[in-house]
Amino acid sequence: MKLRPFAMLLAVAGLTLFTTVANAAELRLRCEQRTLPARSKVSVDGKGLFPLNAMYSARIISGSSQSTHTPLTAVGDEVEFDFDSNPADVAAGAQSIPANFITAGTVQAAIFDANGQMVAGPVTANCRARNPIKAR
């Protein structure tokens, strides 16, 4: 069976579209750095992950520090990872990081599948800085 040039072009375009859609995972990264008391807080959210309901982990890096969240099972195509230096948030399931984890106000993150393959990211974010309100 011979494909005509136009049919071949459509087949290649369709394959390219399928590949693009299959790799359409999104990563949303939010981070916050506080002083007095010092605190680092990072949230990594994945959406559009495939396969559905699979195990994923997230790695964050800031300066020379890095932390990898224990694997979590996605709910459908979404998974959320929290990293925090606040003991109450760690007790609620966040991955523990030091209060001074965030360096130079930026964090980089990526999401990995159970085989260690990066499926979303890397993404870099500038962290929100929250300082105490000064009394007048």
N, C-alpha and C. Protein backbone atom coordinates (compact mmCIF):
# COMPACT_ATOMS: atom_id res chain seq x y z
N MET A 1 0.84 -1.17 0.00
CA MET A 1 0.00 0.00 0.00
C MET A 1 0.88 1.23 0.00
N LYS A 2 0.69 2.12 -0.96
CA LYS A 2 1.46 3.34 -1.05
C LYS A 2 0.65 4.50 -0.49
N LEU A 3 1.34 5.34 0.27
CA LEU A 3 0.69 6.55 0.76
C LEU A 3 1.00 7.70 -0.18
N ARG A 4 0.02 8.45 -0.47
CA ARG A 4 0.24 9.64 -1.28
C ARG A 4 0.93 10.69 -0.42
N PRO A 5 1.65 11.63 -1.03
CA PRO A 5 2.37 12.64 -0.25
C PRO A 5 1.47 13.38 0.75
N PHE A 6 0.27 13.75 0.36
CA PHE A 6 -0.63 14.48 1.26
C PHE A 6 -1.02 13.59 2.45
N ALA A 7 -1.29 12.32 2.18
CA ALA A 7 -1.66 11.40 3.26
C ALA A 7 -0.49 11.20 4.21
N MET A 8 0.74 11.14 3.67
CA MET A 8 1.92 11.01 4.52
C MET A 8 2.08 12.25 5.40
N LEU A 9 1.86 13.42 4.83
CA LEU A 9 1.96 14.66 5.58
C LEU A 9 0.95 14.67 6.73
N LEU A 10 -0.28 14.24 6.46
CA LEU A 10 -1.30 14.17 7.50
C LEU A 10 -0.91 13.17 8.58
N ALA A 11 -0.35 12.04 8.20
CA ALA A 11 0.07 11.03 9.17
C ALA A 11 1.16 11.57 10.08
N VAL A 12 2.15 12.26 9.51
CA VAL A 12 3.23 12.85 10.30
C VAL A 12 2.69 13.94 11.21
N ALA A 13 1.81 14.80 10.70
CA ALA A 13 1.23 15.87 11.51
C ALA A 13 0.43 15.28 12.66
N GLY A 14 -0.32 14.23 12.41
CA GLY A 14 -1.10 13.58 13.47
C GLY A 14 -0.21 12.98 14.53
N LEU A 15 0.89 12.35 14.14
CA LEU A 15 1.82 11.77 15.09
C LEU A 15 2.47 12.87 15.93
N THR A 16 2.83 13.98 15.30
CA THR A 16 3.42 15.10 16.03
C THR A 16 2.43 15.66 17.04
N LEU A 17 1.17 15.82 16.65
CA LEU A 17 0.15 16.32 17.55
C LEU A 17 -0.02 15.37 18.72
N PHE A 18 -0.06 14.06 18.47
CA PHE A 18 -0.21 13.08 19.54
C PHE A 18 0.96 13.17 20.51
N THR A 19 2.17 13.30 20.01
CA THR A 19 3.35 13.40 20.86
C THR A 19 3.28 14.65 21.72
N THR A 20 2.85 15.77 21.14
CA THR A 20 2.73 17.01 21.88
C THR A 20 1.69 16.89 22.98
N VAL A 21 0.54 16.32 22.67
CA VAL A 21 -0.51 16.16 23.66
C VAL A 21 -0.08 15.20 24.76
N ALA A 22 0.61 14.13 24.40
CA ALA A 22 1.04 13.14 25.39
C ALA A 22 2.03 13.73 26.39
N ASN A 23 2.77 14.75 26.00
CA ASN A 23 3.76 15.37 26.88
C ASN A 23 3.29 16.73 27.39
N ALA A 24 2.00 16.91 27.56
CA ALA A 24 1.46 18.21 27.92
C ALA A 24 1.31 18.40 29.43
N ALA A 25 2.10 17.71 30.24
CA ALA A 25 2.01 17.87 31.69
C ALA A 25 2.42 19.29 32.08
N GLU A 26 1.72 19.83 33.06
CA GLU A 26 2.00 21.18 33.55
C GLU A 26 2.52 21.09 34.98
N LEU A 27 3.38 22.03 35.34
CA LEU A 27 3.89 22.13 36.69
C LEU A 27 3.68 23.55 37.17
N ARG A 28 3.01 23.70 38.31
CA ARG A 28 2.85 25.03 38.92
C ARG A 28 3.69 25.03 40.20
N LEU A 29 4.54 26.03 40.32
CA LEU A 29 5.46 26.14 41.45
C LEU A 29 5.20 27.45 42.18
N ARG A 30 4.97 27.34 43.48
CA ARG A 30 4.82 28.52 44.32
C ARG A 30 5.75 28.37 45.52
N CYS A 31 6.35 29.47 45.95
CA CYS A 31 7.24 29.40 47.11
C CYS A 31 7.15 30.69 47.91
N GLU A 32 7.47 30.55 49.19
CA GLU A 32 7.40 31.69 50.10
C GLU A 32 8.53 31.58 51.11
N GLN A 33 9.16 32.72 51.36
CA GLN A 33 10.27 32.79 52.30
C GLN A 33 9.91 33.82 53.36
N ARG A 34 10.04 33.44 54.63
CA ARG A 34 9.69 34.35 55.72
C ARG A 34 10.90 34.56 56.64
N THR A 35 10.85 35.70 57.33
CA THR A 35 11.87 35.98 58.34
C THR A 35 11.17 36.23 59.67
N LEU A 36 11.86 36.00 60.74
CA LEU A 36 11.38 36.25 62.10
C LEU A 36 9.97 35.76 62.37
N PRO A 37 9.71 34.51 62.54
CA PRO A 37 10.69 33.43 62.49
C PRO A 37 10.94 32.99 61.05
N ALA A 38 12.13 32.47 60.83
CA ALA A 38 12.50 32.02 59.49
C ALA A 38 11.61 30.84 59.08
N ARG A 39 11.21 30.84 57.80
CA ARG A 39 10.38 29.75 57.28
C ARG A 39 10.53 29.67 55.77
N SER A 40 10.58 28.45 55.26
CA SER A 40 10.57 28.19 53.82
C SER A 40 9.36 27.32 53.52
N LYS A 41 8.64 27.68 52.45
CA LYS A 41 7.42 26.96 52.08
C LYS A 41 7.38 26.85 50.56
N VAL A 42 7.21 25.62 50.03
CA VAL A 42 7.20 25.40 48.58
C VAL A 42 6.04 24.46 48.25
N SER A 43 5.31 24.80 47.19
CA SER A 43 4.22 23.95 46.71
C SER A 43 4.46 23.64 45.24
N VAL A 44 4.40 22.35 44.89
CA VAL A 44 4.59 21.88 43.52
C VAL A 44 3.34 21.12 43.11
N ASP A 45 2.63 21.62 42.11
CA ASP A 45 1.40 20.99 41.64
C ASP A 45 1.57 20.53 40.21
N GLY A 46 1.23 19.28 39.95
CA GLY A 46 1.29 18.73 38.60
C GLY A 46 -0.10 18.47 38.06
N LYS A 47 -0.28 18.74 36.77
CA LYS A 47 -1.58 18.54 36.12
C LYS A 47 -1.32 18.02 34.70
N GLY A 48 -2.21 17.17 34.22
CA GLY A 48 -2.04 16.61 32.88
C GLY A 48 -1.03 15.49 32.85
N LEU A 49 -0.82 14.84 34.00
CA LEU A 49 0.16 13.76 34.09
C LEU A 49 -0.40 12.47 33.51
N PHE A 50 0.49 11.69 32.92
CA PHE A 50 0.09 10.39 32.37
C PHE A 50 1.20 9.40 32.67
N PRO A 51 0.92 8.23 33.17
CA PRO A 51 -0.39 7.62 33.29
C PRO A 51 -1.19 8.16 34.48
N LEU A 52 -2.50 8.03 34.40
CA LEU A 52 -3.39 8.47 35.45
C LEU A 52 -3.20 7.61 36.70
N ASN A 53 -3.43 8.22 37.86
CA ASN A 53 -3.40 7.52 39.16
C ASN A 53 -2.08 6.80 39.42
N ALA A 54 -0.99 7.28 38.85
CA ALA A 54 0.32 6.67 39.03
C ALA A 54 1.08 7.35 40.17
N MET A 55 2.23 6.80 40.51
CA MET A 55 3.09 7.36 41.56
C MET A 55 4.05 8.37 40.94
N TYR A 56 4.18 9.52 41.62
CA TYR A 56 5.08 10.58 41.18
C TYR A 56 5.80 11.15 42.40
N SER A 57 6.98 11.73 42.16
CA SER A 57 7.70 12.45 43.20
C SER A 57 8.10 13.80 42.64
N ALA A 58 8.44 14.72 43.53
CA ALA A 58 8.86 16.06 43.12
C ALA A 58 10.19 16.37 43.78
N ARG A 59 11.04 17.07 43.04
CA ARG A 59 12.33 17.51 43.58
C ARG A 59 12.40 19.02 43.47
N ILE A 60 12.84 19.65 44.56
CA ILE A 60 13.04 21.10 44.55
C ILE A 60 14.50 21.38 44.83
N ILE A 61 14.99 22.46 44.22
CA ILE A 61 16.38 22.88 44.38
C ILE A 61 16.41 24.38 44.59
N SER A 62 17.21 24.83 45.55
CA SER A 62 17.45 26.25 45.76
C SER A 62 18.89 26.39 46.21
N GLY A 63 19.67 27.11 45.43
CA GLY A 63 21.10 27.22 45.73
C GLY A 63 21.72 25.83 45.70
N SER A 64 22.42 25.47 46.78
CA SER A 64 23.04 24.14 46.85
C SER A 64 22.16 23.13 47.60
N SER A 65 20.98 23.56 48.01
CA SER A 65 20.07 22.67 48.74
C SER A 65 19.08 22.01 47.79
N GLN A 66 18.73 20.76 48.09
CA GLN A 66 17.68 20.09 47.33
C GLN A 66 16.93 19.14 48.24
N SER A 67 15.68 18.88 47.88
CA SER A 67 14.84 17.96 48.64
C SER A 67 13.91 17.24 47.67
N THR A 68 13.74 15.94 47.90
CA THR A 68 12.84 15.14 47.07
C THR A 68 11.69 14.64 47.93
N HIS A 69 10.47 14.92 47.49
CA HIS A 69 9.28 14.50 48.23
C HIS A 69 9.07 13.00 48.06
N THR A 70 8.62 12.35 49.10
CA THR A 70 8.28 10.93 49.00
C THR A 70 7.21 10.76 47.93
N PRO A 71 7.22 9.66 47.20
CA PRO A 71 6.25 9.47 46.12
C PRO A 71 4.80 9.53 46.61
N LEU A 72 3.96 10.15 45.78
CA LEU A 72 2.52 10.25 46.05
C LEU A 72 1.76 9.71 44.84
N THR A 73 0.57 9.19 45.09
CA THR A 73 -0.28 8.70 44.01
C THR A 73 -1.12 9.85 43.47
N ALA A 74 -1.07 10.05 42.17
CA ALA A 74 -1.88 11.09 41.53
C ALA A 74 -3.36 10.73 41.64
N VAL A 75 -4.19 11.75 41.72
CA VAL A 75 -5.64 11.57 41.66
C VAL A 75 -6.02 11.94 40.23
N GLY A 76 -6.28 10.94 39.42
CA GLY A 76 -6.49 11.19 37.99
C GLY A 76 -5.17 11.63 37.39
N ASP A 77 -5.15 12.86 36.83
CA ASP A 77 -3.93 13.38 36.21
C ASP A 77 -3.27 14.47 37.04
N GLU A 78 -3.64 14.59 38.33
CA GLU A 78 -3.12 15.67 39.17
C GLU A 78 -2.46 15.13 40.44
N VAL A 79 -1.42 15.84 40.87
CA VAL A 79 -0.74 15.51 42.12
C VAL A 79 -0.21 16.80 42.73
N GLU A 80 -0.20 16.86 44.07
CA GLU A 80 0.26 18.06 44.78
C GLU A 80 1.31 17.66 45.82
N PHE A 81 2.41 18.42 45.85
CA PHE A 81 3.48 18.19 46.80
C PHE A 81 3.71 19.46 47.61
N ASP A 82 3.80 19.32 48.92
CA ASP A 82 4.10 20.46 49.79
C ASP A 82 5.39 20.19 50.54
N PHE A 83 6.23 21.21 50.60
CA PHE A 83 7.47 21.20 51.35
C PHE A 83 7.38 22.36 52.33
N ASP A 84 7.78 22.16 53.59
CA ASP A 84 7.62 23.24 54.56
C ASP A 84 8.58 23.05 55.72
N SER A 85 8.97 24.16 56.34
CA SER A 85 9.80 24.09 57.54
C SER A 85 8.95 24.21 58.80
N ASN A 86 7.67 24.50 58.66
CA ASN A 86 6.77 24.63 59.80
C ASN A 86 6.38 23.23 60.31
N PRO A 87 6.69 22.92 61.58
CA PRO A 87 6.40 21.58 62.10
C PRO A 87 4.92 21.17 61.99
N ALA A 88 4.00 22.11 62.12
CA ALA A 88 2.57 21.78 62.01
C ALA A 88 2.23 21.32 60.59
N ASP A 89 2.81 21.98 59.58
CA ASP A 89 2.56 21.58 58.19
C ASP A 89 3.24 20.25 57.87
N VAL A 90 4.41 20.02 58.46
CA VAL A 90 5.10 18.74 58.27
C VAL A 90 4.26 17.62 58.88
N ALA A 91 3.69 17.86 60.07
CA ALA A 91 2.84 16.86 60.70
C ALA A 91 1.59 16.57 59.86
N ALA A 92 1.16 17.55 59.06
CA ALA A 92 -0.02 17.39 58.21
C ALA A 92 0.32 16.75 56.86
N GLY A 93 1.61 16.40 56.64
CA GLY A 93 1.98 15.69 55.42
C GLY A 93 2.99 16.36 54.52
N ALA A 94 3.38 17.59 54.84
CA ALA A 94 4.39 18.27 54.02
C ALA A 94 5.76 17.62 54.24
N GLN A 95 6.59 17.65 53.20
CA GLN A 95 7.96 17.16 53.31
C GLN A 95 8.76 18.21 54.07
N SER A 96 9.52 17.79 55.06
CA SER A 96 10.28 18.72 55.88
C SER A 96 11.49 19.27 55.12
N ILE A 97 11.64 20.60 55.19
CA ILE A 97 12.83 21.28 54.66
C ILE A 97 13.30 22.26 55.72
N PRO A 98 14.58 22.64 55.71
CA PRO A 98 15.07 23.61 56.70
C PRO A 98 14.44 24.99 56.48
N ALA A 99 14.37 25.77 57.55
CA ALA A 99 13.80 27.11 57.47
C ALA A 99 14.59 28.00 56.51
N ASN A 100 15.88 27.73 56.34
CA ASN A 100 16.72 28.54 55.45
C ASN A 100 16.93 27.85 54.09
N PHE A 101 16.02 26.95 53.70
CA PHE A 101 16.16 26.20 52.45
C PHE A 101 16.23 27.11 51.23
N ILE A 102 15.36 28.12 51.17
CA ILE A 102 15.30 29.00 49.99
C ILE A 102 16.48 29.96 50.00
N THR A 103 17.25 29.93 48.92
CA THR A 103 18.44 30.76 48.77
C THR A 103 18.24 31.72 47.60
N ALA A 104 18.60 32.97 47.79
CA ALA A 104 18.52 33.99 46.74
C ALA A 104 17.10 34.17 46.20
N GLY A 105 16.10 33.75 46.98
CA GLY A 105 14.72 34.00 46.61
C GLY A 105 14.17 33.22 45.44
N THR A 106 14.85 32.13 45.03
CA THR A 106 14.35 31.33 43.90
C THR A 106 14.38 29.84 44.23
N VAL A 107 13.46 29.12 43.59
CA VAL A 107 13.38 27.66 43.72
C VAL A 107 13.14 27.08 42.33
N GLN A 108 13.74 25.94 42.07
CA GLN A 108 13.50 25.19 40.82
C GLN A 108 12.85 23.86 41.21
N ALA A 109 11.89 23.39 40.39
CA ALA A 109 11.19 22.14 40.69
C ALA A 109 10.95 21.33 39.43
N ALA A 110 10.82 20.01 39.64
CA ALA A 110 10.46 19.09 38.56
C ALA A 110 9.69 17.93 39.18
N ILE A 111 8.86 17.28 38.36
CA ILE A 111 8.10 16.11 38.79
C ILE A 111 8.61 14.90 38.02
N PHE A 112 8.75 13.77 38.73
CA PHE A 112 9.31 12.54 38.16
C PHE A 112 8.32 11.39 38.32
N ASP A 113 8.33 10.49 37.34
CA ASP A 113 7.48 9.30 37.44
C ASP A 113 8.19 8.24 38.28
N ALA A 114 7.56 7.08 38.45
CA ALA A 114 8.10 6.02 39.30
C ALA A 114 9.43 5.47 38.77
N ASN A 115 9.72 5.68 37.49
CA ASN A 115 10.99 5.23 36.89
C ASN A 115 12.09 6.28 36.99
N GLY A 116 11.79 7.43 37.61
CA GLY A 116 12.77 8.49 37.74
C GLY A 116 12.88 9.38 36.52
N GLN A 117 11.97 9.25 35.57
CA GLN A 117 11.98 10.09 34.37
C GLN A 117 11.23 11.39 34.65
N MET A 118 11.83 12.52 34.27
CA MET A 118 11.17 13.81 34.45
C MET A 118 9.96 13.89 33.53
N VAL A 119 8.79 14.19 34.11
CA VAL A 119 7.56 14.27 33.32
C VAL A 119 6.99 15.69 33.28
N ALA A 120 7.48 16.57 34.15
CA ALA A 120 7.05 17.98 34.14
C ALA A 120 8.17 18.83 34.71
N GLY A 121 8.41 19.98 34.07
CA GLY A 121 9.46 20.87 34.53
C GLY A 121 10.73 20.64 33.72
N PRO A 122 11.83 21.19 34.15
CA PRO A 122 11.96 21.99 35.35
C PRO A 122 11.38 23.40 35.17
N VAL A 123 10.91 23.94 36.29
CA VAL A 123 10.35 25.28 36.34
C VAL A 123 11.06 26.03 37.46
N THR A 124 11.34 27.30 37.25
CA THR A 124 11.96 28.14 38.28
C THR A 124 10.99 29.25 38.67
N ALA A 125 10.91 29.52 39.97
CA ALA A 125 10.01 30.57 40.45
C ALA A 125 10.76 31.51 41.39
N ASN A 126 10.39 32.78 41.33
CA ASN A 126 10.84 33.76 42.32
C ASN A 126 9.89 33.65 43.50
N CYS A 127 10.45 33.53 44.69
CA CYS A 127 9.64 33.30 45.88
C CYS A 127 9.12 34.60 46.48
N ARG A 128 7.92 34.50 46.99
CA ARG A 128 7.32 35.62 47.70
C ARG A 128 8.06 35.78 49.03
N ALA A 129 8.43 37.01 49.37
CA ALA A 129 9.11 37.29 50.63
C ALA A 129 8.11 37.91 51.59
N ARG A 130 7.97 37.31 52.75
CA ARG A 130 7.07 37.85 53.77
C ARG A 130 7.90 38.17 55.00
N ASN A 131 7.83 39.41 55.39
CA ASN A 131 8.55 39.87 56.57
C ASN A 131 7.55 40.30 57.63
N PRO A 132 7.96 40.30 58.88
CA PRO A 132 7.02 40.69 59.94
C PRO A 132 6.61 42.15 59.81
N ILE A 133 5.40 42.44 60.26
CA ILE A 133 4.91 43.81 60.27
C ILE A 133 5.55 44.53 61.45
N LYS A 134 6.11 45.69 61.17
CA LYS A 134 6.77 46.46 62.22
C LYS A 134 5.74 47.28 62.99
N ALA A 135 5.84 47.23 64.32
CA ALA A 135 4.95 48.03 65.16
C ALA A 135 5.38 49.48 65.10
N ARG A 136 4.41 50.35 65.15
CA ARG A 136 4.73 51.79 65.12
C ARG A 136 4.77 52.36 66.50
